[in-house]
Amino acid sequence: MNTPESQTNKKRKADFKVVIIGDAAIGKTCIVNRYLHNQFSDEMPNQTIGAAFFLKQWKSSNIAIWDTAGEERFSGLSNFYCRGANAAIVAYDIRDRRTFDSIDARYTQLLETSAENCTIVLAGTKKDLVTRDNREISVEDGIKKVKELGERWQSKSHPGDKTPFFETSAKTSENIMELFEYIFETLTLDVANPVAKDTIDFGKSNATGKKCSC
């Protein structure tokens, strides 16, 4: 007979898996921290090594959120963590064209092992720092890119037919809630047939990798 403690520590399967990918230092972890903990720090971050996961309960579903490293030397690990993903947040810095170009150069290949009809959402970061003079990726470019990605992966559509594109600011919280709610609403539209197969210790929120604040 299981004791209450053993039941608490029992491993459960995540119903859905969400990964966030993109170059280093563009604010991926800041996005996750702002959403899950409503926290933001301007301090220089430590480097994310490999990946770190968090768990979020959305209605009756358990959703694993994987924050992956952006440095090229961790590409092999990122590919592993993208395996079976039901949704992917593909992030870039609105002020840096190189981070946008990296989507095709580095990150689309990571999604080859994602789940069928993986929901692809594009997220521009650090909008609070964007000015007319330093913006390098337009809204139109972002929408065009996410449509291309959605067609390539036959991405599952949001029930409200919203465009899977958000310009975000972890500092001001702009579009952070909307970004994750878009994904969760899309994934849980058909909760009777979850796809993810990751087994996760529900009692821990950060079991893999070294977390950074940005």
N, C-alpha and C. Protein backbone atom coordinates (compact mmCIF):
# COMPACT_ATOMS: atom_id res chain seq x y z
N MET A 1 0.85 -1.20 0.00
CA MET A 1 0.00 0.00 0.00
C MET A 1 0.88 1.24 0.00
N ASN A 2 0.57 2.20 -0.91
CA ASN A 2 1.37 3.41 -1.01
C ASN A 2 1.07 4.36 0.13
N THR A 3 2.12 4.92 0.69
CA THR A 3 1.94 5.94 1.71
C THR A 3 1.68 7.27 1.03
N PRO A 4 1.15 8.29 1.77
CA PRO A 4 0.95 9.61 1.17
C PRO A 4 2.24 10.17 0.59
N GLU A 5 3.38 9.90 1.27
CA GLU A 5 4.65 10.43 0.79
C GLU A 5 5.03 9.79 -0.54
N SER A 6 4.85 8.46 -0.65
CA SER A 6 5.20 7.80 -1.89
C SER A 6 4.29 8.23 -3.02
N GLN A 7 3.04 8.52 -2.69
CA GLN A 7 2.12 9.01 -3.71
C GLN A 7 2.53 10.38 -4.19
N THR A 8 3.01 11.22 -3.26
CA THR A 8 3.45 12.56 -3.63
C THR A 8 4.64 12.51 -4.56
N ASN A 9 5.56 11.57 -4.31
CA ASN A 9 6.78 11.48 -5.09
C ASN A 9 6.64 10.64 -6.34
N LYS A 10 5.46 10.06 -6.52
CA LYS A 10 5.25 9.20 -7.68
C LYS A 10 5.42 9.98 -8.97
N LYS A 11 6.13 9.38 -9.93
CA LYS A 11 6.34 10.05 -11.21
C LYS A 11 5.09 9.94 -12.07
N ARG A 12 4.78 11.03 -12.74
CA ARG A 12 3.63 11.07 -13.63
C ARG A 12 4.11 11.41 -15.03
N LYS A 13 3.28 11.12 -16.00
CA LYS A 13 3.60 11.48 -17.37
C LYS A 13 3.01 12.85 -17.70
N ALA A 14 3.82 13.68 -18.34
CA ALA A 14 3.30 14.96 -18.81
C ALA A 14 2.37 14.69 -19.98
N ASP A 15 1.25 15.39 -20.00
CA ASP A 15 0.30 15.22 -21.09
C ASP A 15 0.81 15.87 -22.37
N PHE A 16 1.54 16.98 -22.21
CA PHE A 16 2.05 17.70 -23.37
C PHE A 16 3.45 18.24 -23.07
N LYS A 17 4.22 18.41 -24.11
CA LYS A 17 5.60 18.91 -23.99
C LYS A 17 5.77 20.16 -24.84
N VAL A 18 6.26 21.23 -24.22
CA VAL A 18 6.53 22.49 -24.91
C VAL A 18 8.01 22.80 -24.78
N VAL A 19 8.66 23.14 -25.89
CA VAL A 19 10.07 23.54 -25.85
C VAL A 19 10.19 24.98 -26.32
N ILE A 20 11.18 25.67 -25.79
CA ILE A 20 11.50 27.01 -26.26
C ILE A 20 12.92 26.99 -26.78
N ILE A 21 13.10 27.37 -28.04
CA ILE A 21 14.40 27.31 -28.70
C ILE A 21 14.74 28.66 -29.31
N GLY A 22 16.03 28.89 -29.49
CA GLY A 22 16.52 30.14 -30.05
C GLY A 22 17.93 30.41 -29.56
N ASP A 23 18.57 31.41 -30.13
CA ASP A 23 19.95 31.73 -29.78
C ASP A 23 20.12 32.07 -28.30
N ALA A 24 21.36 31.99 -27.85
CA ALA A 24 21.70 32.34 -26.48
C ALA A 24 21.49 33.84 -26.24
N ALA A 25 21.14 34.17 -25.02
CA ALA A 25 21.06 35.56 -24.54
C ALA A 25 19.96 36.39 -25.21
N ILE A 26 18.94 35.73 -25.71
CA ILE A 26 17.83 36.49 -26.29
C ILE A 26 16.65 36.61 -25.32
N GLY A 27 16.77 35.98 -24.14
CA GLY A 27 15.74 36.14 -23.13
C GLY A 27 14.75 34.99 -23.02
N LYS A 28 15.14 33.80 -23.47
CA LYS A 28 14.22 32.66 -23.41
C LYS A 28 13.82 32.33 -21.97
N THR A 29 14.81 32.26 -21.09
CA THR A 29 14.52 31.92 -19.70
C THR A 29 13.75 33.03 -19.01
N CYS A 30 14.01 34.27 -19.39
CA CYS A 30 13.25 35.39 -18.82
C CYS A 30 11.77 35.25 -19.14
N ILE A 31 11.47 34.78 -20.34
CA ILE A 31 10.07 34.58 -20.73
C ILE A 31 9.42 33.54 -19.82
N VAL A 32 10.12 32.43 -19.64
CA VAL A 32 9.58 31.36 -18.80
C VAL A 32 9.41 31.82 -17.36
N ASN A 33 10.43 32.50 -16.82
CA ASN A 33 10.36 32.96 -15.43
C ASN A 33 9.25 33.99 -15.22
N ARG A 34 9.07 34.84 -16.20
CA ARG A 34 8.01 35.84 -16.07
C ARG A 34 6.63 35.17 -16.06
N TYR A 35 6.47 34.17 -16.91
CA TYR A 35 5.17 33.51 -16.96
C TYR A 35 4.91 32.67 -15.72
N LEU A 36 5.88 31.84 -15.34
CA LEU A 36 5.65 30.90 -14.24
C LEU A 36 5.75 31.53 -12.86
N HIS A 37 6.66 32.48 -12.70
CA HIS A 37 6.94 33.03 -11.38
C HIS A 37 6.68 34.54 -11.27
N ASN A 38 6.31 35.16 -12.39
CA ASN A 38 6.11 36.61 -12.43
C ASN A 38 7.35 37.35 -11.92
N GLN A 39 8.52 36.89 -12.37
CA GLN A 39 9.79 37.47 -11.95
C GLN A 39 10.61 37.91 -13.16
N PHE A 40 11.39 38.96 -12.95
CA PHE A 40 12.31 39.43 -13.99
C PHE A 40 13.52 40.05 -13.32
N SER A 41 14.70 39.80 -13.91
CA SER A 41 15.94 40.37 -13.39
C SER A 41 16.76 40.97 -14.52
N ASP A 42 17.32 42.15 -14.28
CA ASP A 42 18.19 42.80 -15.26
C ASP A 42 19.64 42.33 -15.13
N GLU A 43 19.91 41.52 -14.12
CA GLU A 43 21.29 41.08 -13.90
C GLU A 43 21.74 40.15 -15.02
N MET A 44 23.05 40.17 -15.29
CA MET A 44 23.61 39.28 -16.30
C MET A 44 23.40 37.84 -15.86
N PRO A 45 22.87 36.99 -16.75
CA PRO A 45 22.54 35.62 -16.35
C PRO A 45 23.72 34.67 -16.41
N ASN A 46 23.60 33.56 -15.69
CA ASN A 46 24.47 32.43 -15.92
C ASN A 46 23.96 31.71 -17.17
N GLN A 47 24.78 30.87 -17.70
CA GLN A 47 24.43 30.18 -18.93
C GLN A 47 23.58 28.96 -18.67
N THR A 48 22.54 28.78 -19.50
CA THR A 48 21.76 27.55 -19.42
C THR A 48 22.55 26.45 -20.08
N ILE A 49 22.74 25.34 -19.38
CA ILE A 49 23.50 24.22 -19.89
C ILE A 49 22.54 23.07 -20.16
N GLY A 50 22.45 22.65 -21.41
CA GLY A 50 21.54 21.58 -21.78
C GLY A 50 20.11 22.09 -21.83
N ALA A 51 19.39 21.89 -20.77
CA ALA A 51 18.00 22.37 -20.70
C ALA A 51 17.53 22.28 -19.25
N ALA A 52 16.45 22.97 -18.96
CA ALA A 52 15.80 22.87 -17.66
C ALA A 52 14.31 22.78 -17.91
N PHE A 53 13.61 22.03 -17.09
CA PHE A 53 12.17 21.93 -17.30
C PHE A 53 11.40 22.45 -16.10
N PHE A 54 10.19 22.88 -16.42
CA PHE A 54 9.23 23.31 -15.41
C PHE A 54 7.91 22.60 -15.71
N LEU A 55 7.08 22.51 -14.72
CA LEU A 55 5.78 21.88 -14.89
C LEU A 55 4.67 22.89 -14.64
N LYS A 56 3.69 22.85 -15.50
CA LYS A 56 2.56 23.75 -15.37
C LYS A 56 1.27 22.95 -15.51
N GLN A 57 0.38 23.10 -14.53
CA GLN A 57 -0.91 22.46 -14.65
C GLN A 57 -1.87 23.43 -15.32
N TRP A 58 -2.42 23.02 -16.44
CA TRP A 58 -3.36 23.86 -17.17
C TRP A 58 -4.69 23.09 -17.24
N LYS A 59 -5.67 23.57 -16.49
CA LYS A 59 -6.94 22.87 -16.37
C LYS A 59 -6.65 21.44 -15.90
N SER A 60 -7.01 20.44 -16.67
CA SER A 60 -6.80 19.06 -16.23
C SER A 60 -5.52 18.44 -16.81
N SER A 61 -4.70 19.24 -17.50
CA SER A 61 -3.51 18.72 -18.17
C SER A 61 -2.23 19.14 -17.46
N ASN A 62 -1.24 18.25 -17.49
CA ASN A 62 0.10 18.56 -16.99
C ASN A 62 0.99 18.85 -18.19
N ILE A 63 1.58 20.03 -18.20
CA ILE A 63 2.37 20.47 -19.34
C ILE A 63 3.81 20.70 -18.91
N ALA A 64 4.74 20.04 -19.60
CA ALA A 64 6.17 20.21 -19.34
C ALA A 64 6.70 21.30 -20.25
N ILE A 65 7.39 22.28 -19.68
CA ILE A 65 7.99 23.36 -20.44
C ILE A 65 9.50 23.21 -20.36
N TRP A 66 10.14 23.00 -21.51
CA TRP A 66 11.59 22.80 -21.57
C TRP A 66 12.27 24.05 -22.11
N ASP A 67 13.15 24.60 -21.32
CA ASP A 67 13.94 25.78 -21.70
C ASP A 67 15.32 25.29 -22.15
N THR A 68 15.63 25.39 -23.43
CA THR A 68 16.86 24.81 -23.97
C THR A 68 17.98 25.83 -24.09
N ALA A 69 19.21 25.33 -24.09
CA ALA A 69 20.39 26.18 -24.27
C ALA A 69 20.46 26.67 -25.71
N GLY A 70 21.00 27.89 -25.87
CA GLY A 70 21.06 28.45 -27.22
C GLY A 70 22.41 28.39 -27.89
N GLU A 71 23.48 28.10 -27.13
CA GLU A 71 24.79 28.06 -27.74
C GLU A 71 24.93 26.86 -28.67
N GLU A 72 25.67 27.07 -29.75
CA GLU A 72 25.78 26.04 -30.78
C GLU A 72 26.36 24.74 -30.25
N ARG A 73 27.24 24.81 -29.25
CA ARG A 73 27.85 23.59 -28.74
C ARG A 73 26.85 22.70 -28.00
N PHE A 74 25.67 23.23 -27.71
CA PHE A 74 24.64 22.43 -27.06
C PHE A 74 23.56 21.96 -28.05
N SER A 75 23.82 22.10 -29.35
CA SER A 75 22.82 21.77 -30.36
C SER A 75 22.36 20.32 -30.26
N GLY A 76 23.30 19.42 -29.99
CA GLY A 76 22.95 18.00 -29.87
C GLY A 76 21.98 17.76 -28.74
N LEU A 77 22.21 18.43 -27.61
CA LEU A 77 21.31 18.29 -26.47
C LEU A 77 19.95 18.89 -26.76
N SER A 78 19.95 20.04 -27.44
CA SER A 78 18.69 20.69 -27.77
C SER A 78 17.85 19.80 -28.67
N ASN A 79 18.51 19.11 -29.60
CA ASN A 79 17.81 18.19 -30.47
C ASN A 79 17.13 17.08 -29.66
N PHE A 80 17.84 16.59 -28.64
CA PHE A 80 17.28 15.56 -27.77
C PHE A 80 16.05 16.08 -27.04
N TYR A 81 16.12 17.29 -26.50
CA TYR A 81 15.02 17.82 -25.71
C TYR A 81 13.81 18.21 -26.57
N CYS A 82 14.04 18.40 -27.87
CA CYS A 82 12.92 18.73 -28.77
C CYS A 82 12.15 17.49 -29.20
N ARG A 83 12.69 16.32 -28.91
CA ARG A 83 12.07 15.08 -29.35
C ARG A 83 10.67 14.92 -28.75
N GLY A 84 9.70 14.70 -29.63
CA GLY A 84 8.33 14.49 -29.19
C GLY A 84 7.60 15.73 -28.73
N ALA A 85 8.15 16.91 -28.98
CA ALA A 85 7.51 18.15 -28.52
C ALA A 85 6.18 18.37 -29.23
N ASN A 86 5.16 18.71 -28.46
CA ASN A 86 3.85 19.01 -29.03
C ASN A 86 3.74 20.46 -29.46
N ALA A 87 4.59 21.31 -28.89
CA ALA A 87 4.60 22.73 -29.27
C ALA A 87 6.01 23.28 -29.09
N ALA A 88 6.35 24.25 -29.91
CA ALA A 88 7.67 24.88 -29.83
C ALA A 88 7.53 26.39 -29.92
N ILE A 89 8.14 27.07 -28.96
CA ILE A 89 8.28 28.53 -29.04
C ILE A 89 9.63 28.80 -29.69
N VAL A 90 9.61 29.37 -30.87
CA VAL A 90 10.84 29.70 -31.58
C VAL A 90 11.09 31.20 -31.35
N ALA A 91 12.16 31.51 -30.63
CA ALA A 91 12.38 32.88 -30.17
C ALA A 91 13.55 33.55 -30.90
N TYR A 92 13.46 34.87 -30.99
CA TYR A 92 14.53 35.68 -31.58
C TYR A 92 14.47 37.07 -30.96
N ASP A 93 15.58 37.78 -31.05
CA ASP A 93 15.65 39.16 -30.56
C ASP A 93 15.22 40.10 -31.68
N ILE A 94 14.20 40.89 -31.45
CA ILE A 94 13.66 41.78 -32.47
C ILE A 94 14.72 42.74 -33.01
N ARG A 95 15.75 43.01 -32.21
CA ARG A 95 16.77 43.98 -32.61
C ARG A 95 17.97 43.34 -33.31
N ASP A 96 17.95 42.04 -33.49
CA ASP A 96 19.15 41.34 -33.98
C ASP A 96 18.77 40.39 -35.11
N ARG A 97 19.06 40.79 -36.34
CA ARG A 97 18.74 39.99 -37.51
C ARG A 97 19.37 38.61 -37.47
N ARG A 98 20.56 38.51 -36.88
CA ARG A 98 21.25 37.22 -36.84
C ARG A 98 20.43 36.18 -36.08
N THR A 99 19.77 36.59 -35.01
CA THR A 99 18.97 35.64 -34.23
C THR A 99 17.74 35.18 -35.00
N PHE A 100 17.25 36.03 -35.89
CA PHE A 100 16.11 35.68 -36.74
C PHE A 100 16.55 34.73 -37.85
N ASP A 101 17.69 35.02 -38.44
CA ASP A 101 18.23 34.17 -39.51
C ASP A 101 18.59 32.78 -38.97
N SER A 102 18.92 32.70 -37.69
CA SER A 102 19.28 31.42 -37.08
C SER A 102 18.12 30.44 -37.05
N ILE A 103 16.90 30.95 -37.17
CA ILE A 103 15.74 30.07 -37.14
C ILE A 103 15.86 29.01 -38.22
N ASP A 104 16.16 29.45 -39.44
CA ASP A 104 16.33 28.50 -40.54
C ASP A 104 17.68 27.82 -40.50
N ALA A 105 18.71 28.57 -40.10
CA ALA A 105 20.07 28.03 -40.14
C ALA A 105 20.31 26.95 -39.10
N ARG A 106 19.66 27.06 -37.93
CA ARG A 106 19.96 26.14 -36.83
C ARG A 106 18.76 25.44 -36.22
N TYR A 107 17.63 26.12 -36.11
CA TYR A 107 16.60 25.62 -35.22
C TYR A 107 15.49 24.82 -35.88
N THR A 108 15.20 25.06 -37.15
CA THR A 108 14.14 24.26 -37.77
C THR A 108 14.52 22.79 -37.81
N GLN A 109 15.81 22.49 -37.97
CA GLN A 109 16.23 21.09 -38.00
C GLN A 109 16.00 20.40 -36.66
N LEU A 110 16.01 21.17 -35.57
CA LEU A 110 15.78 20.57 -34.26
C LEU A 110 14.36 20.04 -34.13
N LEU A 111 13.45 20.56 -34.93
CA LEU A 111 12.06 20.18 -34.82
C LEU A 111 11.70 18.96 -35.65
N GLU A 112 12.70 18.40 -36.33
CA GLU A 112 12.43 17.21 -37.14
C GLU A 112 11.95 16.04 -36.30
N THR A 113 12.32 16.04 -35.02
CA THR A 113 11.90 14.94 -34.14
C THR A 113 10.70 15.31 -33.27
N SER A 114 10.08 16.44 -33.55
CA SER A 114 8.92 16.85 -32.76
C SER A 114 7.71 15.98 -33.09
N ALA A 115 6.66 16.11 -32.30
CA ALA A 115 5.45 15.33 -32.52
C ALA A 115 4.75 15.78 -33.80
N GLU A 116 3.91 14.92 -34.31
CA GLU A 116 3.13 15.25 -35.50
C GLU A 116 2.24 16.46 -35.22
N ASN A 117 2.16 17.36 -36.21
CA ASN A 117 1.36 18.58 -36.09
C ASN A 117 1.80 19.45 -34.92
N CYS A 118 3.10 19.47 -34.66
CA CYS A 118 3.67 20.31 -33.59
C CYS A 118 3.24 21.77 -33.79
N THR A 119 2.71 22.36 -32.75
CA THR A 119 2.29 23.76 -32.81
C THR A 119 3.51 24.67 -32.73
N ILE A 120 3.75 25.44 -33.77
CA ILE A 120 4.90 26.34 -33.83
C ILE A 120 4.43 27.76 -33.55
N VAL A 121 5.06 28.40 -32.56
CA VAL A 121 4.75 29.79 -32.21
C VAL A 121 6.04 30.60 -32.27
N LEU A 122 5.99 31.73 -32.93
CA LEU A 122 7.17 32.60 -33.05
C LEU A 122 7.07 33.73 -32.04
N ALA A 123 8.18 33.96 -31.31
CA ALA A 123 8.19 34.98 -30.27
C ALA A 123 9.38 35.91 -30.43
N GLY A 124 9.11 37.15 -30.75
CA GLY A 124 10.14 38.17 -30.71
C GLY A 124 10.33 38.63 -29.28
N THR A 125 11.56 38.84 -28.86
CA THR A 125 11.84 39.17 -27.47
C THR A 125 12.38 40.59 -27.32
N LYS A 126 12.38 41.05 -26.07
CA LYS A 126 12.95 42.34 -25.67
C LYS A 126 12.29 43.53 -26.37
N LYS A 127 10.98 43.45 -26.50
CA LYS A 127 10.27 44.53 -27.18
C LYS A 127 10.40 45.86 -26.45
N ASP A 128 10.58 45.81 -25.14
CA ASP A 128 10.72 47.05 -24.37
C ASP A 128 11.97 47.83 -24.77
N LEU A 129 12.94 47.16 -25.40
CA LEU A 129 14.18 47.83 -25.82
C LEU A 129 14.15 48.26 -27.28
N VAL A 130 13.07 47.95 -27.97
CA VAL A 130 12.98 48.22 -29.41
C VAL A 130 12.62 49.68 -29.66
N THR A 131 13.36 50.29 -30.59
CA THR A 131 13.06 51.64 -31.04
C THR A 131 12.94 51.63 -32.57
N ARG A 132 12.55 52.75 -33.11
CA ARG A 132 12.45 52.85 -34.57
C ARG A 132 13.80 52.64 -35.23
N ASP A 133 14.86 53.02 -34.53
CA ASP A 133 16.20 52.94 -35.11
C ASP A 133 16.86 51.57 -34.98
N ASN A 134 16.51 50.81 -33.93
CA ASN A 134 17.23 49.54 -33.74
C ASN A 134 16.42 48.29 -34.10
N ARG A 135 15.16 48.46 -34.50
CA ARG A 135 14.36 47.31 -34.91
C ARG A 135 14.93 46.73 -36.21
N GLU A 136 15.19 45.41 -36.21
CA GLU A 136 15.73 44.76 -37.40
C GLU A 136 14.78 43.74 -38.02
N ILE A 137 13.75 43.34 -37.28
CA ILE A 137 12.77 42.40 -37.82
C ILE A 137 11.40 43.02 -37.68
N SER A 138 10.72 43.20 -38.78
CA SER A 138 9.39 43.81 -38.76
C SER A 138 8.34 42.80 -38.33
N VAL A 139 7.19 43.30 -37.93
CA VAL A 139 6.07 42.43 -37.60
C VAL A 139 5.68 41.58 -38.82
N GLU A 140 5.71 42.21 -39.99
CA GLU A 140 5.35 41.50 -41.21
C GLU A 140 6.31 40.34 -41.48
N ASP A 141 7.61 40.55 -41.24
CA ASP A 141 8.59 39.47 -41.42
C ASP A 141 8.31 38.32 -40.46
N GLY A 142 7.95 38.66 -39.23
CA GLY A 142 7.67 37.64 -38.24
C GLY A 142 6.45 36.80 -38.60
N ILE A 143 5.39 37.46 -39.02
CA ILE A 143 4.17 36.75 -39.39
C ILE A 143 4.42 35.86 -40.61
N LYS A 144 5.17 36.37 -41.57
CA LYS A 144 5.49 35.57 -42.75
C LYS A 144 6.27 34.31 -42.36
N LYS A 145 7.22 34.48 -41.48
CA LYS A 145 8.06 33.35 -41.07
C LYS A 145 7.24 32.29 -40.33
N VAL A 146 6.39 32.71 -39.40
CA VAL A 146 5.64 31.72 -38.63
C VAL A 146 4.63 30.99 -39.51
N LYS A 147 4.12 31.64 -40.52
CA LYS A 147 3.22 30.97 -41.47
C LYS A 147 3.98 29.91 -42.25
N GLU A 148 5.22 30.22 -42.64
CA GLU A 148 6.06 29.24 -43.34
C GLU A 148 6.32 28.02 -42.45
N LEU A 149 6.65 28.28 -41.18
CA LEU A 149 6.92 27.18 -40.26
C LEU A 149 5.67 26.36 -40.01
N GLY A 150 4.54 27.03 -39.86
CA GLY A 150 3.29 26.32 -39.61
C GLY A 150 2.90 25.41 -40.76
N GLU A 151 3.12 25.87 -41.97
CA GLU A 151 2.82 25.05 -43.14
C GLU A 151 3.77 23.86 -43.23
N ARG A 152 5.02 24.10 -42.93
CA ARG A 152 6.02 23.03 -43.02
C ARG A 152 5.71 21.89 -42.05
N TRP A 153 5.30 22.23 -40.85
CA TRP A 153 5.02 21.21 -39.84
C TRP A 153 3.53 20.90 -39.71
N GLN A 154 2.72 21.49 -40.59
CA GLN A 154 1.28 21.30 -40.50
C GLN A 154 0.81 21.56 -39.07
N SER A 155 1.25 22.69 -38.57
CA SER A 155 1.03 23.08 -37.19
C SER A 155 -0.45 23.12 -36.83
N LYS A 156 -0.76 22.60 -35.66
CA LYS A 156 -2.13 22.61 -35.16
C LYS A 156 -2.59 24.04 -34.92
N SER A 157 -3.78 24.37 -35.38
CA SER A 157 -4.28 25.74 -35.30
C SER A 157 -4.97 26.01 -33.97
N HIS A 158 -4.89 27.26 -33.54
CA HIS A 158 -5.57 27.71 -32.34
C HIS A 158 -7.08 27.66 -32.56
N PRO A 159 -7.85 27.30 -31.54
CA PRO A 159 -9.31 27.22 -31.71
C PRO A 159 -9.94 28.55 -32.10
N GLY A 160 -9.30 29.66 -31.76
CA GLY A 160 -9.81 30.96 -32.15
C GLY A 160 -9.19 31.49 -33.42
N ASP A 161 -8.41 30.63 -34.10
CA ASP A 161 -7.77 30.97 -35.37
C ASP A 161 -6.86 32.20 -35.25
N LYS A 162 -6.22 32.35 -34.09
CA LYS A 162 -5.30 33.46 -33.90
C LYS A 162 -3.96 33.16 -34.56
N THR A 163 -3.24 34.19 -34.95
CA THR A 163 -1.92 34.02 -35.55
C THR A 163 -0.91 33.68 -34.47
N PRO A 164 -0.09 32.63 -34.66
CA PRO A 164 0.87 32.20 -33.62
C PRO A 164 2.15 33.05 -33.61
N PHE A 165 1.98 34.34 -33.45
CA PHE A 165 3.10 35.28 -33.47
C PHE A 165 2.91 36.32 -32.37
N PHE A 166 3.99 36.51 -31.58
CA PHE A 166 3.92 37.46 -30.47
C PHE A 166 5.24 38.21 -30.35
N GLU A 167 5.16 39.52 -30.19
CA GLU A 167 6.33 40.30 -29.80
C GLU A 167 6.21 40.52 -28.30
N THR A 168 7.21 40.09 -27.57
CA THR A 168 7.10 40.01 -26.11
C THR A 168 8.14 40.86 -25.38
N SER A 169 7.85 41.11 -24.13
CA SER A 169 8.82 41.72 -23.22
C SER A 169 8.68 41.04 -21.87
N ALA A 170 9.72 40.34 -21.47
CA ALA A 170 9.71 39.72 -20.14
C ALA A 170 9.78 40.80 -19.06
N LYS A 171 10.37 41.92 -19.38
CA LYS A 171 10.51 42.99 -18.39
C LYS A 171 9.17 43.63 -18.05
N THR A 172 8.36 43.90 -19.07
CA THR A 172 7.08 44.56 -18.85
C THR A 172 5.91 43.58 -18.83
N SER A 173 6.18 42.31 -19.14
CA SER A 173 5.16 41.24 -19.22
C SER A 173 4.33 41.30 -20.50
N GLU A 174 4.66 42.17 -21.41
CA GLU A 174 3.86 42.30 -22.62
C GLU A 174 3.79 40.98 -23.39
N ASN A 175 2.60 40.51 -23.62
CA ASN A 175 2.29 39.33 -24.42
C ASN A 175 2.85 38.01 -23.86
N ILE A 176 3.34 38.02 -22.64
CA ILE A 176 3.86 36.77 -22.06
C ILE A 176 2.71 35.81 -21.75
N MET A 177 1.69 36.29 -21.07
CA MET A 177 0.54 35.46 -20.76
C MET A 177 -0.14 34.99 -22.03
N GLU A 178 -0.28 35.90 -23.00
CA GLU A 178 -0.96 35.57 -24.24
C GLU A 178 -0.21 34.49 -25.01
N LEU A 179 1.12 34.53 -24.97
CA LEU A 179 1.94 33.54 -25.66
C LEU A 179 1.67 32.14 -25.14
N PHE A 180 1.74 31.96 -23.83
CA PHE A 180 1.57 30.63 -23.26
C PHE A 180 0.11 30.17 -23.32
N GLU A 181 -0.83 31.09 -23.15
CA GLU A 181 -2.23 30.70 -23.22
C GLU A 181 -2.60 30.26 -24.64
N TYR A 182 -2.00 30.89 -25.64
CA TYR A 182 -2.22 30.44 -27.02
C TYR A 182 -1.83 28.97 -27.15
N ILE A 183 -0.64 28.65 -26.65
CA ILE A 183 -0.14 27.28 -26.77
C ILE A 183 -1.00 26.31 -25.99
N PHE A 184 -1.29 26.62 -24.74
CA PHE A 184 -2.05 25.70 -23.89
C PHE A 184 -3.47 25.50 -24.42
N GLU A 185 -4.11 26.57 -24.89
CA GLU A 185 -5.44 26.44 -25.44
C GLU A 185 -5.44 25.56 -26.70
N THR A 186 -4.38 25.68 -27.49
CA THR A 186 -4.28 24.87 -28.70
C THR A 186 -4.04 23.41 -28.36
N LEU A 187 -3.13 23.15 -27.44
CA LEU A 187 -2.80 21.78 -27.09
C LEU A 187 -3.95 21.05 -26.41
N THR A 188 -4.66 21.74 -25.55
CA THR A 188 -5.70 21.08 -24.75
C THR A 188 -7.06 21.07 -25.44
N LEU A 189 -7.09 21.49 -26.70
CA LEU A 189 -8.35 21.46 -27.44
C LEU A 189 -8.87 20.03 -27.55
N ASP A 190 -7.93 19.08 -27.65
CA ASP A 190 -8.30 17.67 -27.72
C ASP A 190 -7.54 16.92 -26.64
N VAL A 191 -7.95 17.08 -25.41
CA VAL A 191 -7.21 16.49 -24.29
C VAL A 191 -7.39 14.98 -24.20
N ALA A 192 -8.29 14.44 -24.98
CA ALA A 192 -8.52 13.00 -24.93
C ALA A 192 -7.40 12.22 -25.60
N ASN A 193 -6.60 12.92 -26.42
CA ASN A 193 -5.54 12.23 -27.15
C ASN A 193 -4.20 12.92 -26.99
N PRO A 194 -3.67 13.03 -25.77
CA PRO A 194 -2.35 13.64 -25.57
C PRO A 194 -1.28 12.80 -26.24
N VAL A 195 -0.20 13.48 -26.69
CA VAL A 195 0.84 12.80 -27.45
C VAL A 195 2.12 12.63 -26.67
N ALA A 196 2.43 13.58 -25.79
CA ALA A 196 3.73 13.56 -25.14
C ALA A 196 3.91 12.32 -24.28
N LYS A 197 5.15 11.86 -24.16
CA LYS A 197 5.43 10.63 -23.43
C LYS A 197 6.50 10.82 -22.37
N ASP A 198 6.87 12.04 -22.06
CA ASP A 198 7.91 12.28 -21.08
C ASP A 198 7.43 11.88 -19.69
N THR A 199 8.28 11.18 -18.95
CA THR A 199 7.98 10.88 -17.56
C THR A 199 8.72 11.87 -16.69
N ILE A 200 8.00 12.58 -15.83
CA ILE A 200 8.58 13.69 -15.09
C ILE A 200 8.20 13.58 -13.63
N ASP A 201 9.14 13.88 -12.76
CA ASP A 201 8.87 13.91 -11.34
C ASP A 201 8.08 15.17 -11.04
N PHE A 202 6.81 15.03 -10.71
CA PHE A 202 5.94 16.17 -10.52
C PHE A 202 6.31 16.98 -9.29
N GLY A 203 7.15 16.42 -8.43
CA GLY A 203 7.54 17.13 -7.22
C GLY A 203 8.72 18.05 -7.42
N LYS A 204 9.31 18.05 -8.64
CA LYS A 204 10.47 18.89 -8.91
C LYS A 204 10.19 19.76 -10.12
N SER A 205 10.73 20.99 -10.11
CA SER A 205 10.46 21.90 -11.22
C SER A 205 11.69 22.22 -12.03
N ASN A 206 12.86 21.74 -11.63
CA ASN A 206 14.08 22.13 -12.34
C ASN A 206 15.11 21.04 -12.15
N ALA A 207 14.96 19.96 -12.92
CA ALA A 207 15.78 18.78 -12.69
C ALA A 207 16.96 18.65 -13.63
N THR A 208 16.98 19.40 -14.71
CA THR A 208 18.01 19.22 -15.72
C THR A 208 18.64 20.57 -16.06
N GLY A 209 19.94 20.62 -16.10
CA GLY A 209 20.61 21.82 -16.55
C GLY A 209 20.78 22.85 -15.45
N LYS A 210 21.50 23.88 -15.80
CA LYS A 210 21.77 24.99 -14.88
C LYS A 210 20.94 26.18 -15.31
N LYS A 211 20.11 26.68 -14.45
CA LYS A 211 19.20 27.75 -14.83
C LYS A 211 19.90 29.10 -14.82
N CYS A 212 19.43 29.92 -15.76
CA CYS A 212 19.88 31.31 -15.78
C CYS A 212 18.66 32.19 -15.65
N SER A 213 18.88 33.47 -15.47
CA SER A 213 17.75 34.38 -15.30
C SER A 213 17.31 34.98 -16.63
N CYS A 214 18.04 34.69 -17.69
CA CYS A 214 17.66 35.24 -18.99
C CYS A 214 18.05 34.28 -20.10
